[in-house]
PDB file of all heavy atoms in Angstrom:
ATOM      1  N   ALA A   1     -97.354  15.242  42.293  1.00  0.00           N
ATOM      2  CA  ALA A   1     -97.413  16.105  43.472  1.00  0.00           C
ATOM      3  C   ALA A   1     -98.496  17.158  43.295  1.00  0.00           C
ATOM      4  O   ALA A   1     -98.231  18.365  43.293  1.00  0.00           O
ATOM      5  CB  ALA A   1     -96.054  16.753  43.721  1.00  0.00           C
ATOM      6  N   ASN A   2     -99.734  16.703  43.144  1.00  0.00           N
ATOM      7  CA  ASN A   2    -100.844  17.614  42.935  1.00  0.00           C
ATOM      8  C   ASN A   2    -102.148  16.894  43.232  1.00  0.00           C
ATOM      9  O   ASN A   2    -102.135  15.742  43.678  1.00  0.00           O
ATOM     10  CB  ASN A   2    -100.827  18.181  41.514  1.00  0.00           C
ATOM     11  CG  ASN A   2    -101.290  19.625  41.470  1.00  0.00           C
ATOM     12  OD1 ASN A   2    -102.417  19.944  41.811  1.00  0.00           O
ATOM     13  ND2 ASN A   2    -100.402  20.523  41.030  1.00  0.00           N
ATOM     14  N   ARG A   3    -103.245  17.546  42.968  1.00  0.00           N
ATOM     15  CA  ARG A   3    -104.577  17.011  43.248  1.00  0.00           C
ATOM     16  C   ARG A   3    -105.531  17.418  42.130  1.00  0.00           C
ATOM     17  O   ARG A   3    -105.140  18.085  41.177  1.00  0.00           O
ATOM     18  CB  ARG A   3    -105.093  17.520  44.599  1.00  0.00           C
ATOM     19  CG  ARG A   3    -105.316  19.032  44.611  1.00  0.00           C
ATOM     20  CD  ARG A   3    -105.914  19.556  45.914  1.00  0.00           C
ATOM     21  NE  ARG A   3    -107.188  18.929  46.219  1.00  0.00           N
ATOM     22  CZ  ARG A   3    -108.362  19.316  45.716  1.00  0.00           C
ATOM     23  NH1 ARG A   3    -108.423  20.333  44.860  1.00  0.00           N
ATOM     24  NH2 ARG A   3    -109.474  18.695  46.059  1.00  0.00           N
ATOM     25  N   GLY A   4    -106.795  17.042  42.264  1.00  0.00           N
ATOM     26  CA  GLY A   4    -107.828  17.521  41.362  1.00  0.00           C
ATOM     27  C   GLY A   4    -107.670  17.056  39.931  1.00  0.00           C
ATOM     28  O   GLY A   4    -107.040  16.036  39.640  1.00  0.00           O
ATOM     29  N   GLU A   5    -108.228  17.861  39.022  1.00  0.00           N
ATOM     30  CA  GLU A   5    -108.287  17.440  37.626  1.00  0.00           C
ATOM     31  C   GLU A   5    -106.916  17.290  36.992  1.00  0.00           C
ATOM     32  O   GLU A   5    -106.725  16.429  36.123  1.00  0.00           O
ATOM     33  CB  GLU A   5    -109.159  18.400  36.802  1.00  0.00           C
ATOM     34  CG  GLU A   5    -108.626  19.810  36.617  1.00  0.00           C
ATOM     35  CD  GLU A   5    -107.681  19.944  35.437  1.00  0.00           C
ATOM     36  OE1 GLU A   5    -107.653  19.071  34.564  1.00  0.00           O
ATOM     37  OE2 GLU A   5    -106.940  20.939  35.411  1.00  0.00           O
ATOM     38  N   ILE A   6    -105.935  18.093  37.395  1.00  0.00           N
ATOM     39  CA  ILE A   6    -104.622  17.990  36.754  1.00  0.00           C
ATOM     40  C   ILE A   6    -103.906  16.713  37.179  1.00  0.00           C
ATOM     41  O   ILE A   6    -103.179  16.108  36.387  1.00  0.00           O
ATOM     42  CB  ILE A   6    -103.762  19.246  37.021  1.00  0.00           C
ATOM     43  CG1 ILE A   6    -102.540  19.264  36.089  1.00  0.00           C
ATOM     44  CG2 ILE A   6    -103.341  19.331  38.480  1.00  0.00           C
ATOM     45  CD1 ILE A   6    -102.890  19.218  34.611  1.00  0.00           C
ATOM     46  N   ALA A   7    -104.118  16.273  38.418  1.00  0.00           N
ATOM     47  CA  ALA A   7    -103.536  14.999  38.846  1.00  0.00           C
ATOM     48  C   ALA A   7    -104.135  13.853  38.044  1.00  0.00           C
ATOM     49  O   ALA A   7    -103.427  12.935  37.600  1.00  0.00           O
ATOM     50  CB  ALA A   7    -103.769  14.783  40.342  1.00  0.00           C
ATOM     51  N   VAL A   8    -105.453  13.906  37.806  1.00  0.00           N
ATOM     52  CA  VAL A   8    -106.120  12.887  36.997  1.00  0.00           C
ATOM     53  C   VAL A   8    -105.596  12.909  35.570  1.00  0.00           C
ATOM     54  O   VAL A   8    -105.324  11.869  34.963  1.00  0.00           O
ATOM     55  CB  VAL A   8    -107.655  13.105  37.015  1.00  0.00           C
ATOM     56  CG1 VAL A   8    -108.345  12.183  36.013  1.00  0.00           C
ATOM     57  CG2 VAL A   8    -108.201  12.874  38.413  1.00  0.00           C
ATOM     58  N   ARG A   9    -105.429  14.108  35.019  1.00  0.00           N
ATOM     59  CA  ARG A   9    -104.915  14.258  33.636  1.00  0.00           C
ATOM     60  C   ARG A   9    -103.529  13.629  33.494  1.00  0.00           C
ATOM     61  O   ARG A   9    -103.249  12.920  32.517  1.00  0.00           O
ATOM     62  CB  ARG A   9    -104.869  15.747  33.285  1.00  0.00           C
ATOM     63  CG  ARG A   9    -104.138  16.082  31.977  1.00  0.00           C
ATOM     64  CD  ARG A   9    -104.940  15.660  30.765  1.00  0.00           C
ATOM     65  NE  ARG A   9    -104.260  16.007  29.535  1.00  0.00           N
ATOM     66  CZ  ARG A   9    -103.431  15.212  28.865  1.00  0.00           C
ATOM     67  NH1 ARG A   9    -103.172  13.993  29.336  1.00  0.00           N
ATOM     68  NH2 ARG A   9    -102.867  15.598  27.741  1.00  0.00           N
ATOM     69  N   ILE A  10    -102.661  13.863  34.451  1.00  0.00           N
ATOM     70  CA  ILE A  10    -101.297  13.333  34.384  1.00  0.00           C
ATOM     71  C   ILE A  10    -101.300  11.818  34.550  1.00  0.00           C
ATOM     72  O   ILE A  10    -100.566  11.105  33.852  1.00  0.00           O
ATOM     73  CB  ILE A  10    -100.413  14.011  35.448  1.00  0.00           C
ATOM     74  CG1 ILE A  10    -100.287  15.517  35.163  1.00  0.00           C
ATOM     75  CG2 ILE A  10     -99.020  13.369  35.489  1.00  0.00           C
ATOM     76  CD1 ILE A  10     -99.738  16.324  36.326  1.00  0.00           C
ATOM     77  N   ILE A  11    -102.124  11.311  35.453  1.00  0.00           N
ATOM     78  CA  ILE A  11    -102.211   9.858  35.659  1.00  0.00           C
ATOM     79  C   ILE A  11    -102.669   9.174  34.377  1.00  0.00           C
ATOM     80  O   ILE A  11    -102.125   8.129  33.986  1.00  0.00           O
ATOM     81  CB  ILE A  11    -103.160   9.534  36.833  1.00  0.00           C
ATOM     82  CG1 ILE A  11    -102.514   9.948  38.158  1.00  0.00           C
ATOM     83  CG2 ILE A  11    -103.502   8.042  36.860  1.00  0.00           C
ATOM     84  CD1 ILE A  11    -103.462   9.900  39.346  1.00  0.00           C
ATOM     85  N   ARG A  12    -103.646   9.760  33.692  1.00  0.00           N
ATOM     86  CA  ARG A  12    -104.117   9.165  32.437  1.00  0.00           C
ATOM     87  C   ARG A  12    -103.020   9.140  31.384  1.00  0.00           C
ATOM     88  O   ARG A  12    -102.864   8.158  30.647  1.00  0.00           O
ATOM     89  CB  ARG A  12    -105.339   9.940  31.927  1.00  0.00           C
ATOM     90  CG  ARG A  12    -106.600   9.654  32.741  1.00  0.00           C
ATOM     91  CD  ARG A  12    -107.752  10.538  32.323  1.00  0.00           C
ATOM     92  NE  ARG A  12    -108.979  10.151  33.027  1.00  0.00           N
ATOM     93  CZ  ARG A  12    -110.006  10.963  33.238  1.00  0.00           C
ATOM     94  NH1 ARG A  12    -109.956  12.210  32.806  1.00  0.00           N
ATOM     95  NH2 ARG A  12    -111.078  10.542  33.873  1.00  0.00           N
ATOM     96  N   ALA A  13    -102.242  10.221  31.301  1.00  0.00           N
ATOM     97  CA  ALA A  13    -101.139  10.253  30.338  1.00  0.00           C
ATOM     98  C   ALA A  13    -100.110   9.173  30.671  1.00  0.00           C
ATOM     99  O   ALA A  13     -99.616   8.475  29.773  1.00  0.00           O
ATOM    100  CB  ALA A  13    -100.479  11.635  30.346  1.00  0.00           C
ATOM    101  N   CYS A  14     -99.805   9.035  31.946  1.00  0.00           N
ATOM    102  CA  CYS A  14     -98.839   8.014  32.372  1.00  0.00           C
ATOM    103  C   CYS A  14     -99.350   6.604  32.066  1.00  0.00           C
ATOM    104  O   CYS A  14     -98.584   5.741  31.618  1.00  0.00           O
ATOM    105  CB  CYS A  14     -98.541   8.149  33.858  1.00  0.00           C
ATOM    106  SG  CYS A  14     -97.548   9.608  34.291  1.00  0.00           S
ATOM    107  N   ASN A  15    -100.633   6.365  32.314  1.00  0.00           N
ATOM    108  CA  ASN A  15    -101.210   5.055  32.021  1.00  0.00           C
ATOM    109  C   ASN A  15    -101.050   4.703  30.542  1.00  0.00           C
ATOM    110  O   ASN A  15    -100.704   3.572  30.185  1.00  0.00           O
ATOM    111  CB  ASN A  15    -102.693   5.025  32.401  1.00  0.00           C
ATOM    112  CG  ASN A  15    -102.913   4.986  33.901  1.00  0.00           C
ATOM    113  OD1 ASN A  15    -102.006   4.658  34.664  1.00  0.00           O
ATOM    114  ND2 ASN A  15    -104.116   5.319  34.337  1.00  0.00           N
ATOM    115  N   GLU A  16    -101.281   5.686  29.674  1.00  0.00           N
ATOM    116  CA  GLU A  16    -101.154   5.447  28.235  1.00  0.00           C
ATOM    117  C   GLU A  16     -99.701   5.220  27.824  1.00  0.00           C
ATOM    118  O   GLU A  16     -99.441   4.587  26.796  1.00  0.00           O
ATOM    119  CB  GLU A  16    -101.741   6.634  27.470  1.00  0.00           C
ATOM    120  CG  GLU A  16    -103.254   6.769  27.615  1.00  0.00           C
ATOM    121  CD  GLU A  16    -103.794   8.002  26.917  1.00  0.00           C
ATOM    122  OE1 GLU A  16    -103.084   8.547  26.038  1.00  0.00           O
ATOM    123  OE2 GLU A  16    -104.919   8.428  27.244  1.00  0.00           O
ATOM    124  N   MET A  17     -98.771   5.737  28.622  1.00  0.00           N
ATOM    125  CA  MET A  17     -97.346   5.580  28.314  1.00  0.00           C
ATOM    126  C   MET A  17     -96.726   4.368  29.010  1.00  0.00           C
ATOM    127  O   MET A  17     -95.536   4.103  28.860  1.00  0.00           O
ATOM    128  CB  MET A  17     -96.596   6.852  28.735  1.00  0.00           C
ATOM    129  CG  MET A  17     -97.039   8.111  28.002  1.00  0.00           C
ATOM    130  SD  MET A  17     -96.295   9.620  28.682  1.00  0.00           S
ATOM    131  CE  MET A  17     -94.617   9.475  28.064  1.00  0.00           C
ATOM    132  N   GLY A  18     -97.539   3.638  29.792  1.00  0.00           N
ATOM    133  CA  GLY A  18     -97.027   2.470  30.502  1.00  0.00           C
ATOM    134  C   GLY A  18     -96.180   2.807  31.712  1.00  0.00           C
ATOM    135  O   GLY A  18     -95.318   2.031  32.130  1.00  0.00           O
ATOM    136  N   ILE A  19     -96.440   3.974  32.313  1.00  0.00           N
ATOM    137  CA  ILE A  19     -95.692   4.430  33.485  1.00  0.00           C
ATOM    138  C   ILE A  19     -96.559   4.261  34.729  1.00  0.00           C
ATOM    139  O   ILE A  19     -97.714   4.704  34.753  1.00  0.00           O
ATOM    140  CB  ILE A  19     -95.283   5.913  33.335  1.00  0.00           C
ATOM    141  CG1 ILE A  19     -94.417   6.104  32.085  1.00  0.00           C
ATOM    142  CG2 ILE A  19     -94.544   6.397  34.581  1.00  0.00           C
ATOM    143  CD1 ILE A  19     -94.162   7.563  31.741  1.00  0.00           C
ATOM    144  N   ARG A  20     -96.036   3.646  35.763  1.00  0.00           N
ATOM    145  CA  ARG A  20     -96.759   3.501  37.020  1.00  0.00           C
ATOM    146  C   ARG A  20     -96.802   4.837  37.749  1.00  0.00           C
ATOM    147  O   ARG A  20     -95.871   5.654  37.621  1.00  0.00           O
ATOM    148  CB  ARG A  20     -96.108   2.431  37.912  1.00  0.00           C
ATOM    149  CG  ARG A  20     -96.274   1.010  37.352  1.00  0.00           C
ATOM    150  CD  ARG A  20     -95.662  -0.014  38.286  1.00  0.00           C
ATOM    151  NE  ARG A  20     -96.305  -0.047  39.591  1.00  0.00           N
ATOM    152  CZ  ARG A  20     -97.461  -0.654  39.869  1.00  0.00           C
ATOM    153  NH1 ARG A  20     -98.117  -1.281  38.911  1.00  0.00           N
ATOM    154  NH2 ARG A  20     -97.969  -0.639  41.089  1.00  0.00           N
ATOM    155  N   THR A  21     -97.870   5.054  38.499  1.00  0.00           N
ATOM    156  CA  THR A  21     -98.061   6.345  39.151  1.00  0.00           C
ATOM    157  C   THR A  21     -98.241   6.203  40.657  1.00  0.00           C
ATOM    158  O   THR A  21     -98.815   5.223  41.140  1.00  0.00           O
ATOM    159  CB  THR A  21     -99.284   7.073  38.570  1.00  0.00           C
ATOM    160  OG1 THR A  21    -100.433   6.215  38.663  1.00  0.00           O
ATOM    161  CG2 THR A  21     -99.047   7.448  37.126  1.00  0.00           C
ATOM    162  N   VAL A  22     -97.768   7.220  41.359  1.00  0.00           N
ATOM    163  CA  VAL A  22     -97.939   7.316  42.805  1.00  0.00           C
ATOM    164  C   VAL A  22     -98.642   8.633  43.099  1.00  0.00           C
ATOM    165  O   VAL A  22     -98.188   9.704  42.673  1.00  0.00           O
ATOM    166  CB  VAL A  22     -96.583   7.267  43.540  1.00  0.00           C
ATOM    167  CG1 VAL A  22     -96.780   7.492  45.045  1.00  0.00           C
ATOM    168  CG2 VAL A  22     -95.882   5.941  43.284  1.00  0.00           C
ATOM    169  N   ALA A  23     -99.767   8.569  43.805  1.00  0.00           N
ATOM    170  CA  ALA A  23    -100.506   9.766  44.185  1.00  0.00           C
ATOM    171  C   ALA A  23    -100.249  10.084  45.649  1.00  0.00           C
ATOM    172  O   ALA A  23    -100.041   9.180  46.470  1.00  0.00           O
ATOM    173  CB  ALA A  23    -101.998   9.572  43.958  1.00  0.00           C
ATOM    174  N   VAL A  24    -100.241  11.373  45.960  1.00  0.00           N
ATOM    175  CA  VAL A  24    -100.209  11.812  47.355  1.00  0.00           C
ATOM    176  C   VAL A  24    -101.494  12.592  47.607  1.00  0.00           C
ATOM    177  O   VAL A  24    -102.060  13.195  46.694  1.00  0.00           O
ATOM    178  CB  VAL A  24     -98.972  12.677  47.665  1.00  0.00           C
ATOM    179  CG1 VAL A  24     -97.701  11.843  47.590  1.00  0.00           C
ATOM    180  CG2 VAL A  24     -98.870  13.868  46.709  1.00  0.00           C
ATOM    181  N   TYR A  25    -101.965  12.562  48.846  1.00  0.00           N
ATOM    182  CA  TYR A  25    -103.229  13.231  49.125  1.00  0.00           C
ATOM    183  C   TYR A  25    -103.292  13.676  50.573  1.00  0.00           C
ATOM    184  O   TYR A  25    -102.592  13.152  51.445  1.00  0.00           O
ATOM    185  CB  TYR A  25    -104.410  12.311  48.801  1.00  0.00           C
ATOM    186  CG  TYR A  25    -104.495  11.036  49.625  1.00  0.00           C
ATOM    187  CD1 TYR A  25    -105.287  10.976  50.776  1.00  0.00           C
ATOM    188  CD2 TYR A  25    -103.783   9.892  49.264  1.00  0.00           C
ATOM    189  CE1 TYR A  25    -105.375   9.818  51.534  1.00  0.00           C
ATOM    190  CE2 TYR A  25    -103.864   8.732  50.004  1.00  0.00           C
ATOM    191  CZ  TYR A  25    -104.665   8.688  51.136  1.00  0.00           C
ATOM    192  OH  TYR A  25    -104.746   7.538  51.886  1.00  0.00           O
ATOM    193  N   SER A  26    -104.157  14.664  50.821  1.00  0.00           N
ATOM    194  CA  SER A  26    -104.414  15.132  52.177  1.00  0.00           C
ATOM    195  C   SER A  26    -105.547  14.312  52.785  1.00  0.00           C
ATOM    196  O   SER A  26    -106.251  13.583  52.083  1.00  0.00           O
ATOM    197  CB  SER A  26    -104.810  16.611  52.149  1.00  0.00           C
ATOM    198  OG  SER A  26    -106.102  16.753  51.573  1.00  0.00           O
TER     199      SER A  26
END
């Protein structure tokens, strides 16, 4: 539930942990 660099940072962490991600955007 965010945008910008922190959303990218969290997605990368999830990818490394084998967790699927859902992004929301304006």
